[in-house]
């Protein structure tokens, strides 16, 4: 492999789609779950689900 190829930056290797795929990944794995947790119906569902579990989850309920 030539020295020029070795010095190519990580972002450039990802091409034009790398940033888009990264942003979608962050959105699906961080932003969407946090947004869902702010919806009262989902909060009530999680509290009801926690009451049915046979073990204790600290900080929930």
PDB file of N, CA and C in Angstrom:
ATOM      1  N   UNK A   1       0.851  -1.177   0.000  1.00  0.00           N
ATOM      2  CA  UNK A   1       0.000   0.000   0.000  1.00  0.00           C
ATOM      3  C   UNK A   1       0.897   1.241   0.000  1.00  0.00           C
ATOM      4  N   UNK A   2       0.561   2.204  -0.793  1.00  0.00           N
ATOM      5  CA  UNK A   2       1.408   3.384  -0.894  1.00  0.00           C
ATOM      6  C   UNK A   2       1.245   4.257   0.338  1.00  0.00           C
ATOM      7  N   UNK A   3       2.225   5.090   0.541  1.00  0.00           N
ATOM      8  CA  UNK A   3       2.204   5.990   1.694  1.00  0.00           C
ATOM      9  C   UNK A   3       1.040   6.979   1.600  1.00  0.00           C
ATOM     10  N   UNK A   4       0.689   7.352   0.390  1.00  0.00           N
ATOM     11  CA  UNK A   4      -0.428   8.283   0.180  1.00  0.00           C
ATOM     12  C   UNK A   4      -1.745   7.679   0.681  1.00  0.00           C
ATOM     13  N   UNK A   5      -1.970   6.410   0.412  1.00  0.00           N
ATOM     14  CA  UNK A   5      -3.192   5.732   0.857  1.00  0.00           C
ATOM     15  C   UNK A   5      -3.219   5.605   2.377  1.00  0.00           C
ATOM     16  N   UNK A   6      -2.076   5.365   2.996  1.00  0.00           N
ATOM     17  CA  UNK A   6      -1.999   5.202   4.443  1.00  0.00           C
ATOM     18  C   UNK A   6      -2.340   6.495   5.162  1.00  0.00           C
ATOM     19  N   UNK A   7      -2.028   7.633   4.572  1.00  0.00           N
ATOM     20  CA  UNK A   7      -2.266   8.926   5.206  1.00  0.00           C
ATOM     21  C   UNK A   7      -3.686   9.436   5.000  1.00  0.00           C
ATOM     22  N   UNK A   8      -4.477   8.722   4.215  1.00  0.00           N
ATOM     23  CA  UNK A   8      -5.841   9.152   3.933  1.00  0.00           C
ATOM     24  C   UNK A   8      -6.648   9.154   5.243  1.00  0.00           C
ATOM     25  N   UNK A   9      -7.363  10.230   5.480  1.00  0.00           N
ATOM     26  CA  UNK A   9      -8.058  10.364   6.745  1.00  0.00           C
ATOM     27  C   UNK A   9      -9.233   9.392   6.847  1.00  0.00           C
ATOM     28  N   UNK A  10      -9.628   9.103   8.082  1.00  0.00           N
ATOM     29  CA  UNK A  10     -10.728   8.179   8.337  1.00  0.00           C
ATOM     30  C   UNK A  10     -12.039   8.706   7.756  1.00  0.00           C
ATOM     31  N   UNK A  11     -12.274  10.008   7.893  1.00  0.00           N
ATOM     32  CA  UNK A  11     -13.514  10.589   7.373  1.00  0.00           C
ATOM     33  C   UNK A  11     -13.562  10.530   5.849  1.00  0.00           C
ATOM     34  N   UNK A  12     -12.420  10.708   5.224  1.00  0.00           N
ATOM     35  CA  UNK A  12     -12.385  10.654   3.767  1.00  0.00           C
ATOM     36  C   UNK A  12     -12.624   9.231   3.272  1.00  0.00           C
ATOM     37  N   UNK A  13     -12.177   8.239   4.031  1.00  0.00           N
ATOM     38  CA  UNK A  13     -12.411   6.844   3.651  1.00  0.00           C
ATOM     39  C   UNK A  13     -13.897   6.521   3.684  1.00  0.00           C
ATOM     40  N   UNK A  14     -14.629   7.157   4.569  1.00  0.00           N
ATOM     41  CA  UNK A  14     -16.063   6.917   4.669  1.00  0.00           C
ATOM     42  C   UNK A  14     -16.830   7.455   3.486  1.00  0.00           C
ATOM     43  N   UNK A  15     -16.263   8.346   2.774  1.00  0.00           N
ATOM     44  CA  UNK A  15     -16.918   8.916   1.611  1.00  0.00           C
ATOM     45  C   UNK A  15     -18.022   9.886   1.998  1.00  0.00           C
ATOM     46  N   UNK A  16     -18.836  10.232   1.016  1.00  0.00           N
ATOM     47  CA  UNK A  16     -19.876  11.228   1.264  1.00  0.00           C
ATOM     48  C   UNK A  16     -21.014  10.669   2.102  1.00  0.00           C
ATOM     49  N   UNK A  17     -21.155   9.341   2.178  1.00  0.00           N
ATOM     50  CA  UNK A  17     -22.253   8.736   2.938  1.00  0.00           C
ATOM     51  C   UNK A  17     -21.891   8.488   4.399  1.00  0.00           C
ATOM     52  N   UNK A  18     -20.625   8.566   4.736  1.00  0.00           N
ATOM     53  CA  UNK A  18     -20.188   8.269   6.096  1.00  0.00           C
ATOM     54  C   UNK A  18     -20.818   9.169   7.137  1.00  0.00           C
ATOM     55  N   UNK A  19     -20.841  10.460   6.880  1.00  0.00           N
ATOM     56  CA  UNK A  19     -21.419  11.401   7.840  1.00  0.00           C
ATOM     57  C   UNK A  19     -22.926  11.201   7.976  1.00  0.00           C
ATOM     58  N   UNK A  20     -23.592  10.929   6.880  1.00  0.00           N
ATOM     59  CA  UNK A  20     -25.040  10.702   6.913  1.00  0.00           C
ATOM     60  C   UNK A  20     -25.379   9.434   7.697  1.00  0.00           C
ATOM     61  N   UNK A  21     -24.659   8.371   7.440  1.00  0.00           N
ATOM     62  CA  UNK A  21     -24.901   7.122   8.160  1.00  0.00           C
ATOM     63  C   UNK A  21     -24.607   7.298   9.645  1.00  0.00           C
ATOM     64  N   UNK A  22     -23.561   8.030   9.981  1.00  0.00           N
ATOM     65  CA  UNK A  22     -23.234   8.300  11.385  1.00  0.00           C
ATOM     66  C   UNK A  22     -24.319   9.097  12.077  1.00  0.00           C
ATOM     67  N   UNK A  23     -24.848  10.096  11.415  1.00  0.00           N
ATOM     68  CA  UNK A  23     -25.910  10.916  12.002  1.00  0.00           C
ATOM     69  C   UNK A  23     -27.186  10.103  12.201  1.00  0.00           C
ATOM     70  N   UNK A  24     -27.516   9.254  11.252  1.00  0.00           N
ATOM     71  CA  UNK A  24     -28.702   8.401  11.386  1.00  0.00           C
ATOM     72  C   UNK A  24     -28.510   7.416  12.529  1.00  0.00           C
ATOM     73  N   UNK A  25     -27.321   6.858  12.664  1.00  0.00           N
ATOM     74  CA  UNK A  25     -27.027   5.908  13.743  1.00  0.00           C
ATOM     75  C   UNK A  25     -27.201   6.578  15.103  1.00  0.00           C
ATOM     76  N   UNK A  26     -26.654   7.767  15.251  1.00  0.00           N
ATOM     77  CA  UNK A  26     -26.786   8.505  16.515  1.00  0.00           C
ATOM     78  C   UNK A  26     -28.244   8.818  16.784  1.00  0.00           C
ATOM     79  N   UNK A  27     -28.958   9.232  15.763  1.00  0.00           N
ATOM     80  CA  UNK A  27     -30.376   9.555  15.932  1.00  0.00           C
ATOM     81  C   UNK A  27     -31.186   8.363  16.388  1.00  0.00           C
ATOM     82  N   UNK A  28     -30.967   7.214  15.778  1.00  0.00           N
ATOM     83  CA  UNK A  28     -31.749   6.028  16.119  1.00  0.00           C
ATOM     84  C   UNK A  28     -31.393   5.461  17.488  1.00  0.00           C
ATOM     85  N   UNK A  29     -30.162   5.602  17.902  1.00  0.00           N
ATOM     86  CA  UNK A  29     -29.729   4.965  19.133  1.00  0.00           C
ATOM     87  C   UNK A  29     -29.686   5.877  20.349  1.00  0.00           C
ATOM     88  N   UNK A  30     -29.724   7.181  20.152  1.00  0.00           N
ATOM     89  CA  UNK A  30     -29.651   8.106  21.290  1.00  0.00           C
ATOM     90  C   UNK A  30     -30.846   9.053  21.303  1.00  0.00           C
ATOM     91  N   UNK A  31     -31.055   9.778  20.246  1.00  0.00           N
ATOM     92  CA  UNK A  31     -32.069  10.833  20.218  1.00  0.00           C
ATOM     93  C   UNK A  31     -33.481  10.257  20.307  1.00  0.00           C
ATOM     94  N   UNK A  32     -33.789   9.248  19.518  1.00  0.00           N
ATOM     95  CA  UNK A  32     -35.145   8.681  19.501  1.00  0.00           C
ATOM     96  C   UNK A  32     -35.518   8.059  20.850  1.00  0.00           C
ATOM     97  N   UNK A  33     -34.669   7.220  21.461  1.00  0.00           N
ATOM     98  CA  UNK A  33     -35.047   6.675  22.774  1.00  0.00           C
ATOM     99  C   UNK A  33     -35.237   7.751  23.836  1.00  0.00           C
ATOM    100  N   UNK A  34     -34.391   8.763  23.841  1.00  0.00           N
ATOM    101  CA  UNK A  34     -34.554   9.834  24.827  1.00  0.00           C
ATOM    102  C   UNK A  34     -35.836  10.620  24.583  1.00  0.00           C
ATOM    103  N   UNK A  35     -36.190  10.823  23.328  1.00  0.00           N
ATOM    104  CA  UNK A  35     -37.438  11.516  23.012  1.00  0.00           C
ATOM    105  C   UNK A  35     -38.639  10.676  23.433  1.00  0.00           C
ATOM    106  N   UNK A  36     -38.574   9.370  23.234  1.00  0.00           N
ATOM    107  CA  UNK A  36     -39.678   8.498  23.636  1.00  0.00           C
ATOM    108  C   UNK A  36     -39.879   8.505  25.150  1.00  0.00           C
ATOM    109  N   UNK A  37     -38.799   8.607  25.904  1.00  0.00           N
ATOM    110  CA  UNK A  37     -38.914   8.602  27.363  1.00  0.00           C
ATOM    111  C   UNK A  37     -39.616   9.844  27.898  1.00  0.00           C
ATOM    112  N   UNK A  38     -39.744  10.877  27.111  1.00  0.00           N
ATOM    113  CA  UNK A  38     -40.423  12.095  27.550  1.00  0.00           C
ATOM    114  C   UNK A  38     -41.933  12.022  27.350  1.00  0.00           C
ATOM    115  N   UNK A  39     -42.441  11.010  26.671  1.00  0.00           N
ATOM    116  CA  UNK A  39     -43.873  10.856  26.415  1.00  0.00           C
ATOM    117  C   UNK A  39     -44.508  10.200  27.645  1.00  0.00           C
ATOM    118  N   UNK A  40     -45.507  10.847  28.264  1.00  0.00           N
ATOM    119  CA  UNK A  40     -46.101  10.321  29.497  1.00  0.00           C
ATOM    120  C   UNK A  40     -46.662   8.899  29.369  1.00  0.00           C
ATOM    121  N   UNK A  41     -47.260   8.555  28.255  1.00  0.00           N
ATOM    122  CA  UNK A  41     -47.824   7.213  28.098  1.00  0.00           C
ATOM    123  C   UNK A  41     -46.728   6.151  28.166  1.00  0.00           C
ATOM    124  N   UNK A  42     -45.585   6.432  27.589  1.00  0.00           N
ATOM    125  CA  UNK A  42     -44.469   5.483  27.621  1.00  0.00           C
ATOM    126  C   UNK A  42     -43.895   5.408  29.023  1.00  0.00           C
ATOM    127  N   UNK A  43     -43.845   6.524  29.737  1.00  0.00           N
ATOM    128  CA  UNK A  43     -43.378   6.512  31.124  1.00  0.00           C
ATOM    129  C   UNK A  43     -44.285   5.635  31.983  1.00  0.00           C
ATOM    130  N   UNK A  44     -45.591   5.776  31.819  1.00  0.00           N
ATOM    131  CA  UNK A  44     -46.532   4.957  32.588  1.00  0.00           C
ATOM    132  C   UNK A  44     -46.377   3.483  32.246  1.00  0.00           C
ATOM    133  N   UNK A  45     -46.190   3.176  30.983  1.00  0.00           N
ATOM    134  CA  UNK A  45     -45.995   1.786  30.564  1.00  0.00           C
ATOM    135  C   UNK A  45     -44.740   1.202  31.203  1.00  0.00           C
ATOM    136  N   UNK A  46     -43.646   1.949  31.217  1.00  0.00           N
ATOM    137  CA  UNK A  46     -42.402   1.452  31.800  1.00  0.00           C
ATOM    138  C   UNK A  46     -42.526   1.238  33.302  1.00  0.00           C
ATOM    139  N   UNK A  47     -43.250   2.129  33.989  1.00  0.00           N
ATOM    140  CA  UNK A  47     -43.452   1.964  35.432  1.00  0.00           C
ATOM    141  C   UNK A  47     -44.308   0.728  35.691  1.00  0.00           C
ATOM    142  N   UNK A  48     -45.356   0.515  34.892  1.00  0.00           N
ATOM    143  CA  UNK A  48     -46.202  -0.671  35.053  1.00  0.00           C
ATOM    144  C   UNK A  48     -45.399  -1.938  34.748  1.00  0.00           C
ATOM    145  N   UNK A  49     -44.551  -1.886  33.754  1.00  0.00           N
ATOM    146  CA  UNK A  49     -43.721  -3.035  33.405  1.00  0.00           C
ATOM    147  C   UNK A  49     -42.736  -3.345  34.528  1.00  0.00           C
ATOM    148  N   UNK A  50     -42.190  -2.311  35.135  1.00  0.00           N
ATOM    149  CA  UNK A  50     -41.231  -2.491  36.222  1.00  0.00           C
ATOM    150  C   UNK A  50     -41.892  -3.155  37.417  1.00  0.00           C
ATOM    151  N   UNK A  51     -43.167  -2.866  37.665  1.00  0.00           N
ATOM    152  CA  UNK A  51     -43.883  -3.475  38.781  1.00  0.00           C
ATOM    153  C   UNK A  51     -44.087  -4.976  38.577  1.00  0.00           C
ATOM    154  N   UNK A  52     -44.098  -5.427  37.334  1.00  0.00           N
ATOM    155  CA  UNK A  52     -44.320  -6.840  37.035  1.00  0.00           C
ATOM    156  C   UNK A  52     -43.040  -7.675  37.094  1.00  0.00           C
ATOM    157  N   UNK A  53     -41.883  -7.027  37.111  1.00  0.00           N
ATOM    158  CA  UNK A  53     -40.623  -7.762  37.103  1.00  0.00           C
ATOM    159  C   UNK A  53     -40.335  -8.347  38.483  1.00  0.00           C
ATOM    160  N   UNK A  54     -39.736  -9.518  38.529  1.00  0.00           N
ATOM    161  CA  UNK A  54     -39.456 -10.156  39.824  1.00  0.00           C
ATOM    162  C   UNK A  54     -38.204  -9.619  40.530  1.00  0.00           C
ATOM    163  N   UNK A  55     -37.556  -8.623  39.965  1.00  0.00           N
ATOM    164  CA  UNK A  55     -36.365  -8.039  40.597  1.00  0.00           C
ATOM    165  C   UNK A  55     -36.500  -6.521  40.593  1.00  0.00           C
ATOM    166  N   UNK A  56     -35.657  -5.868  41.390  1.00  0.00           N
ATOM    167  CA  UNK A  56     -35.755  -4.418  41.581  1.00  0.00           C
ATOM    168  C   UNK A  56     -34.748  -3.709  40.671  1.00  0.00           C
ATOM    169  N   UNK A  57     -35.225  -2.651  40.011  1.00  0.00           N
ATOM    170  CA  UNK A  57     -34.353  -1.799  39.201  1.00  0.00           C
ATOM    171  C   UNK A  57     -34.221  -0.469  39.932  1.00  0.00           C
ATOM    172  N   UNK A  58     -33.054  -0.160  40.474  1.00  0.00           N
ATOM    173  CA  UNK A  58     -32.891   1.078  41.226  1.00  0.00           C
ATOM    174  C   UNK A  58     -33.185   2.316  40.359  1.00  0.00           C
ATOM    175  N   UNK A  59     -33.914   3.266  40.903  1.00  0.00           N
ATOM    176  CA  UNK A  59     -34.195   4.520  40.226  1.00  0.00           C
ATOM    177  C   UNK A  59     -35.396   4.495  39.316  1.00  0.00           C
ATOM    178  N   UNK A  60     -36.101   3.377  39.218  1.00  0.00           N
ATOM    179  CA  UNK A  60     -37.294   3.301  38.375  1.00  0.00           C
ATOM    180  C   UNK A  60     -38.493   3.136  39.281  1.00  0.00           C
ATOM    181  N   UNK A  61     -39.529   3.918  39.001  1.00  0.00           N
ATOM    182  CA  UNK A  61     -40.763   3.788  39.770  1.00  0.00           C
ATOM    183  C   UNK A  61     -40.688   4.600  40.975  1.00  0.00           C
TER     184      UNK A  61
END
